N, C-alpha and C. Protein backbone atom coordinates (compact mmCIF):
# COMPACT_ATOMS: atom_id res chain seq x y z
N MET A 1 -29.82 48.30 70.33
CA MET A 1 -29.53 49.50 71.30
C MET A 1 -28.11 50.00 71.07
N TYR A 2 -28.01 51.13 71.16
CA TYR A 2 -26.91 51.84 71.01
C TYR A 2 -25.77 51.66 71.89
N SER A 3 -24.52 51.73 71.67
CA SER A 3 -23.25 51.91 72.44
C SER A 3 -23.01 53.41 72.97
N CYS A 4 -22.41 53.62 73.91
CA CYS A 4 -22.12 54.97 74.43
C CYS A 4 -21.82 55.92 73.36
N ARG A 5 -20.77 55.46 72.56
CA ARG A 5 -20.11 56.45 71.56
C ARG A 5 -21.54 56.54 70.54
N GLN A 6 -22.33 55.65 70.22
CA GLN A 6 -23.29 55.90 69.27
C GLN A 6 -24.42 56.78 69.89
N ALA A 7 -24.77 56.58 71.34
CA ALA A 7 -25.69 57.35 71.96
C ALA A 7 -25.21 58.73 71.67
N SER A 8 -23.86 59.06 72.46
CA SER A 8 -23.55 60.47 72.39
C SER A 8 -23.53 61.15 71.04
N ARG A 9 -23.11 60.44 70.12
CA ARG A 9 -23.18 61.23 68.56
C ARG A 9 -24.83 61.42 68.31
N ILE A 10 -25.62 60.55 68.76
CA ILE A 10 -27.22 60.54 68.44
C ILE A 10 -27.67 62.05 69.27
N LEU A 11 -27.18 61.94 70.59
CA LEU A 11 -27.72 63.05 71.34
C LEU A 11 -27.22 64.38 70.72
N SER A 12 -25.97 64.33 70.16
CA SER A 12 -25.36 65.75 69.47
C SER A 12 -26.07 65.77 68.30
N ASP A 13 -26.47 65.02 67.42
CA ASP A 13 -27.27 64.99 66.25
C ASP A 13 -28.66 65.74 66.42
N ALA A 14 -29.17 65.17 67.74
CA ALA A 14 -30.62 65.71 67.79
C ALA A 14 -30.69 67.22 68.24
N LEU A 15 -29.47 67.82 68.37
CA LEU A 15 -29.65 69.27 68.33
C LEU A 15 -29.74 69.79 67.14
N ASP A 16 -29.62 69.24 66.08
CA ASP A 16 -29.32 69.80 64.64
C ASP A 16 -30.51 69.24 64.00
N ARG A 17 -31.11 68.12 64.17
CA ARG A 17 -32.17 67.41 63.35
C ARG A 17 -33.26 66.79 64.16
N ARG A 18 -34.33 66.40 63.59
CA ARG A 18 -35.25 65.44 64.19
C ARG A 18 -34.81 64.10 64.06
N LEU A 19 -34.92 63.43 65.12
CA LEU A 19 -34.53 61.68 65.24
C LEU A 19 -35.36 61.06 64.54
N SER A 20 -35.18 60.05 63.91
CA SER A 20 -36.13 59.06 63.30
C SER A 20 -36.78 58.35 64.50
N PRO A 21 -37.91 57.69 64.47
CA PRO A 21 -38.60 57.04 65.54
C PRO A 21 -37.60 55.76 65.95
N MET A 22 -36.81 55.23 65.10
CA MET A 22 -35.83 54.01 65.41
C MET A 22 -34.71 54.56 66.20
N GLU A 23 -34.19 55.91 65.94
CA GLU A 23 -33.07 56.55 66.74
C GLU A 23 -33.40 56.83 68.11
N TRP A 24 -34.80 57.44 68.13
CA TRP A 24 -35.19 57.79 69.09
C TRP A 24 -35.52 56.61 70.29
N LEU A 25 -36.17 55.59 69.70
CA LEU A 25 -36.61 54.50 70.50
C LEU A 25 -35.05 54.02 71.07
N ASN A 26 -34.07 53.75 70.28
CA ASN A 26 -32.92 53.23 70.66
C ASN A 26 -32.06 54.09 71.70
N LEU A 27 -31.92 55.28 71.43
CA LEU A 27 -31.70 56.23 72.58
C LEU A 27 -32.11 56.12 73.89
N ARG A 28 -33.59 56.02 73.76
CA ARG A 28 -34.20 55.99 75.02
C ARG A 28 -34.00 54.72 75.65
N LEU A 29 -33.70 53.39 74.99
CA LEU A 29 -33.33 52.23 75.48
C LEU A 29 -32.08 52.25 76.20
N HIS A 30 -31.20 53.01 75.55
CA HIS A 30 -29.75 53.19 76.15
C HIS A 30 -29.66 53.99 77.37
N LEU A 31 -30.53 55.15 77.38
CA LEU A 31 -30.68 56.07 78.27
C LEU A 31 -31.21 55.65 79.47
N THR A 32 -32.01 54.55 79.38
CA THR A 32 -32.74 53.82 80.39
C THR A 32 -31.56 53.07 81.18
N ILE A 33 -30.74 52.65 80.61
CA ILE A 33 -29.59 51.76 81.10
C ILE A 33 -28.35 52.45 81.71
N CYS A 34 -27.99 53.27 80.84
CA CYS A 34 -26.72 53.98 80.98
C CYS A 34 -26.86 55.37 81.88
N GLY A 35 -26.39 55.51 82.96
CA GLY A 35 -26.34 56.58 83.66
C GLY A 35 -25.48 57.74 83.17
N MET A 36 -24.02 57.27 82.56
CA MET A 36 -23.12 58.33 82.25
C MET A 36 -23.65 58.96 81.01
N CYS A 37 -24.63 58.14 80.14
CA CYS A 37 -25.06 58.99 78.94
C CYS A 37 -26.31 59.85 79.44
N ARG A 38 -26.99 59.27 80.38
CA ARG A 38 -28.18 60.07 80.94
C ARG A 38 -27.50 61.47 81.38
N ASN A 39 -26.49 61.41 82.00
CA ASN A 39 -25.94 62.80 82.35
C ASN A 39 -25.19 63.67 81.37
N TYR A 40 -24.62 62.70 80.46
CA TYR A 40 -24.33 63.56 79.20
C TYR A 40 -25.48 64.33 78.33
N ALA A 41 -26.61 63.66 78.43
CA ALA A 41 -27.85 64.25 77.85
C ALA A 41 -28.32 65.28 78.51
N HIS A 42 -28.33 65.32 79.98
CA HIS A 42 -28.67 66.41 80.75
C HIS A 42 -27.78 67.70 80.48
N ASN A 43 -26.45 67.37 80.47
CA ASN A 43 -25.50 68.52 80.30
C ASN A 43 -25.67 69.05 78.87
N ILE A 44 -26.03 68.36 77.83
CA ILE A 44 -26.13 68.99 76.76
C ILE A 44 -27.50 69.67 76.76
N ARG A 45 -28.44 69.39 77.16
CA ARG A 45 -29.81 70.20 77.48
C ARG A 45 -29.39 71.55 78.27
N ILE A 46 -28.59 71.40 79.29
CA ILE A 46 -28.24 72.52 79.91
C ILE A 46 -27.29 73.62 79.05
N LEU A 47 -26.60 73.07 78.39
CA LEU A 47 -25.60 73.71 77.42
C LEU A 47 -26.45 74.31 76.28
N GLU A 48 -27.40 73.85 75.71
CA GLU A 48 -28.37 74.14 74.69
C GLU A 48 -29.15 75.32 75.19
N SER A 49 -29.64 75.28 76.44
CA SER A 49 -30.53 76.27 76.80
C SER A 49 -29.67 77.68 77.27
N VAL A 50 -28.37 77.36 77.69
CA VAL A 50 -27.43 78.43 78.11
C VAL A 50 -27.14 79.46 76.59
N LEU A 51 -26.77 78.39 75.59
CA LEU A 51 -26.41 79.09 74.24
C LEU A 51 -27.59 79.88 73.70
N VAL A 52 -28.65 79.41 73.79
CA VAL A 52 -30.01 79.88 73.16
C VAL A 52 -30.02 81.31 74.00
N ARG A 53 -30.03 81.45 75.08
CA ARG A 53 -30.31 82.65 76.00
C ARG A 53 -28.94 83.57 75.61
N LEU A 54 -28.01 83.09 75.57
CA LEU A 54 -26.75 84.12 75.24
C LEU A 54 -26.94 84.48 73.52
N ARG A 55 -27.36 83.61 72.52
CA ARG A 55 -27.82 83.99 71.37
C ARG A 55 -28.65 85.20 71.19
N ASP A 56 -29.73 85.11 72.33
CA ASP A 56 -30.91 86.03 71.98
C ASP A 56 -30.39 87.27 72.87
N ARG A 57 -29.33 87.35 73.63
CA ARG A 57 -28.86 88.39 74.57
C ARG A 57 -28.16 89.53 73.73
N PRO A 58 -28.63 90.76 73.92
CA PRO A 58 -27.85 91.74 72.91
C PRO A 58 -26.31 92.16 73.84
N VAL A 59 -25.29 92.10 72.67
CA VAL A 59 -24.14 92.43 73.39
C VAL A 59 -23.44 93.62 72.64
N ASP A 60 -23.21 94.61 73.33
CA ASP A 60 -22.63 95.71 72.86
C ASP A 60 -21.20 95.78 72.61
N GLY A 61 -20.63 94.65 72.97
CA GLY A 61 -19.15 94.50 72.71
C GLY A 61 -18.56 93.25 73.24
N PRO A 62 -17.27 92.81 73.28
CA PRO A 62 -16.93 91.53 73.79
C PRO A 62 -17.54 91.28 75.12
N LEU A 63 -17.51 89.99 75.46
CA LEU A 63 -18.25 89.62 76.51
C LEU A 63 -17.04 89.51 77.51
N GLN A 64 -17.15 90.11 78.49
CA GLN A 64 -16.10 90.13 79.71
C GLN A 64 -16.60 89.36 80.68
N LEU A 65 -15.63 88.29 81.25
CA LEU A 65 -15.92 87.29 82.38
C LEU A 65 -15.14 87.84 83.48
N SER A 66 -15.62 87.73 84.67
CA SER A 66 -15.10 88.21 85.87
C SER A 66 -14.09 87.35 85.97
N ALA A 67 -13.03 87.66 87.05
CA ALA A 67 -11.78 86.92 87.41
C ALA A 67 -12.42 85.54 88.05
N PRO A 68 -13.42 85.53 89.03
CA PRO A 68 -14.06 84.43 89.61
C PRO A 68 -14.52 83.40 88.37
N ALA A 69 -15.16 83.94 87.54
CA ALA A 69 -15.90 83.25 86.67
C ALA A 69 -14.80 82.45 85.71
N ARG A 70 -13.69 83.31 85.23
CA ARG A 70 -12.71 82.70 84.42
C ARG A 70 -12.21 81.29 85.32
N ALA A 71 -11.73 81.62 86.52
CA ALA A 71 -11.09 80.61 87.47
C ALA A 71 -12.09 79.45 87.63
N LEU A 72 -13.41 79.67 87.76
CA LEU A 72 -14.26 78.52 87.84
C LEU A 72 -14.33 77.70 86.48
N ILE A 73 -14.40 78.31 85.56
CA ILE A 73 -14.27 77.79 84.13
C ILE A 73 -13.13 76.98 84.10
N LEU A 74 -11.95 77.43 84.30
CA LEU A 74 -10.65 76.84 84.23
C LEU A 74 -10.72 75.71 85.25
N ARG A 75 -11.18 75.63 86.23
CA ARG A 75 -11.03 74.46 87.46
C ARG A 75 -11.95 73.18 86.95
N ASN A 76 -13.01 73.86 86.17
CA ASN A 76 -13.92 72.76 85.57
C ASN A 76 -13.43 72.11 84.38
N LEU A 77 -12.59 72.76 83.44
CA LEU A 77 -12.02 72.15 82.32
C LEU A 77 -10.84 71.31 82.65
N GLU A 78 -10.26 71.79 83.66
CA GLU A 78 -9.20 70.74 84.17
C GLU A 78 -9.66 69.64 84.88
N ALA A 79 -10.73 69.75 85.51
CA ALA A 79 -11.55 68.40 86.07
C ALA A 79 -11.90 67.57 85.12
N ILE A 80 -12.36 68.11 84.03
CA ILE A 80 -12.89 67.26 83.11
C ILE A 80 -11.74 66.42 82.29
N THR A 81 -10.81 67.43 81.94
CA THR A 81 -9.54 67.00 81.16
C THR A 81 -8.54 66.12 81.99
N ALA A 82 -8.82 66.02 83.18
CA ALA A 82 -7.82 65.25 84.08
C ALA A 82 -7.65 63.84 83.80
N GLY A 83 -6.36 63.44 84.00
CA GLY A 83 -5.91 62.00 83.69
C GLY A 83 -6.60 60.99 84.62
N PRO A 84 -6.34 59.71 84.67
CA PRO A 84 -6.60 58.92 85.62
C PRO A 84 -6.22 59.18 87.05
N ASP A 85 -5.04 59.56 87.11
CA ASP A 85 -4.32 60.17 88.43
C ASP A 85 -4.87 61.34 88.97
N GLY A 86 -5.97 62.08 88.44
CA GLY A 86 -6.48 63.27 88.84
C GLY A 86 -5.64 64.42 88.57
N GLU A 87 -4.52 64.28 88.07
CA GLU A 87 -3.75 65.32 87.48
C GLU A 87 -4.19 66.01 86.24
N PRO A 88 -4.06 67.19 86.10
CA PRO A 88 -4.76 67.94 84.89
C PRO A 88 -3.14 67.55 83.83
N PRO A 89 -3.65 67.48 82.58
CA PRO A 89 -2.60 67.31 81.45
C PRO A 89 -1.40 68.21 81.47
N ALA A 90 -0.43 67.85 81.21
CA ALA A 90 0.92 68.84 81.12
C ALA A 90 0.63 69.81 79.85
N ARG A 91 1.18 71.00 80.16
CA ARG A 91 1.07 72.11 79.18
C ARG A 91 2.14 72.22 78.38
């Protein structure tokens, strides 16, 4: 069975190639036990579907985000990168 590090690497690899039966089995076993990796796999699937939709979307110029969208992205990135004390990293 995979460690979390191995499982996350295999999940990322699966975006670019077909997994071998043994990789698939070991990954499924790990995901059965590990909720954090299940969450990571779910997030990867969401990200992939968004990127596929964006790839197929015609763009006439640079993509412009609204101020609320930029603020939401910034808050989420700060939450992801926050240290153990909940504070964002120093800039």
